């Protein structure tokens, strides 16, 4: 029984860790990589704003909220899969 619990705990942690790595990589993409190239996007406009500025101000905020929602949704399903209750 103890071996089963250790295996389940290791599998739960592996899925949680992988989810965290993916979310952090996407966070870096939207928080660092895309703003890095904002200057070259400013030659175009969207709704009267420079495109790079618009992506950084509006797009990254939308992406961050979506990432938070996705991370919570996936972590809940991982917890349910391994029988962890709230």
Protein backbone atom coordinates (compact mmCIF):
# COMPACT_ATOMS: atom_id res chain seq x y z
CA UNK A 1 0.00 0.00 0.00
CA UNK A 2 2.82 2.41 0.80
CA UNK A 3 4.39 1.80 -2.61
CA UNK A 4 1.09 2.58 -4.32
CA UNK A 5 0.78 5.83 -2.40
CA UNK A 6 4.35 6.81 -3.28
CA UNK A 7 3.75 6.02 -6.96
CA UNK A 8 0.49 8.01 -6.98
CA UNK A 9 2.19 10.94 -5.24
CA UNK A 10 5.06 10.86 -7.75
CA UNK A 11 2.66 10.73 -10.71
CA UNK A 12 0.60 13.60 -9.28
CA UNK A 13 3.73 15.69 -8.76
CA UNK A 14 5.02 14.91 -12.27
CA UNK A 15 1.77 16.11 -13.87
CA UNK A 16 1.65 19.19 -11.65
CA UNK A 17 5.29 20.02 -12.39
CA UNK A 18 4.82 19.63 -16.16
CA UNK A 19 1.73 21.84 -16.08
CA UNK A 20 3.68 24.47 -14.14
CA UNK A 21 6.54 24.41 -16.66
CA UNK A 22 4.15 24.84 -19.58
CA UNK A 23 2.29 27.72 -17.92
CA UNK A 24 5.57 29.45 -17.00
CA UNK A 25 6.86 29.10 -20.57
CA UNK A 26 3.66 30.63 -21.94
CA UNK A 27 3.81 33.36 -19.30
CA UNK A 28 7.36 34.20 -20.43
CA UNK A 29 6.19 34.23 -24.06
CA UNK A 30 3.43 36.73 -23.37
CA UNK A 31 5.32 38.72 -20.75
CA UNK A 32 8.82 38.94 -22.26
CA UNK A 33 9.11 37.61 -25.82
CA UNK A 34 6.16 39.38 -27.45
CA UNK A 35 6.89 42.76 -25.76
CA UNK A 36 10.51 42.40 -26.91
CA UNK A 37 9.31 42.62 -30.52
CA UNK A 38 6.72 45.34 -29.87
CA UNK A 39 8.88 48.03 -31.45
CA UNK A 40 8.82 46.36 -34.85
CA UNK A 41 5.04 45.94 -34.66
CA UNK A 42 4.45 49.64 -33.99
CA UNK A 43 4.62 50.45 -37.71
CA UNK A 44 1.07 49.05 -37.94
CA UNK A 45 -1.98 50.29 -36.04
CA UNK A 46 -5.06 48.65 -34.56
CA UNK A 47 -8.01 50.80 -33.45
CA UNK A 48 -5.76 53.83 -33.68
CA UNK A 49 -3.09 52.42 -31.36
CA UNK A 50 0.33 51.16 -32.41
CA UNK A 51 0.02 47.39 -32.78
CA UNK A 52 2.95 46.59 -30.49
CA UNK A 53 1.52 48.77 -27.75
CA UNK A 54 -1.93 47.22 -28.18
CA UNK A 55 -0.54 43.67 -27.95
CA UNK A 56 1.45 44.50 -24.82
CA UNK A 57 -1.33 46.34 -23.02
CA UNK A 58 -4.43 44.42 -24.03
CA UNK A 59 -3.22 41.11 -25.40
CA UNK A 60 -0.87 40.21 -22.57
CA UNK A 61 -3.50 40.96 -19.93
CA UNK A 62 -6.03 38.75 -21.70
CA UNK A 63 -3.40 36.02 -22.05
CA UNK A 64 -2.46 36.21 -18.35
CA UNK A 65 -6.08 35.88 -17.22
CA UNK A 66 -6.57 32.97 -19.63
CA UNK A 67 -3.41 31.27 -18.35
CA UNK A 68 -4.58 31.58 -14.75
CA UNK A 69 -7.95 30.08 -15.65
CA UNK A 70 -6.39 27.24 -17.68
CA UNK A 71 -3.86 26.42 -14.95
CA UNK A 72 -6.57 26.23 -12.29
CA UNK A 73 -8.85 24.14 -14.50
CA UNK A 74 -6.08 21.65 -15.38
CA UNK A 75 -4.81 21.44 -11.78
CA UNK A 76 -8.34 20.69 -10.56
CA UNK A 77 -8.62 17.84 -13.06
CA UNK A 78 -5.18 16.51 -12.05
CA UNK A 79 -6.21 16.65 -8.39
CA UNK A 80 -9.49 14.88 -9.17
CA UNK A 81 -7.65 12.20 -11.12
CA UNK A 82 -5.54 11.35 -8.07
CA UNK A 83 -8.33 11.68 -5.52
CA UNK A 84 -7.29 14.92 -3.86
CA UNK A 85 -10.26 16.81 -2.49
CA UNK A 86 -10.55 20.51 -1.74
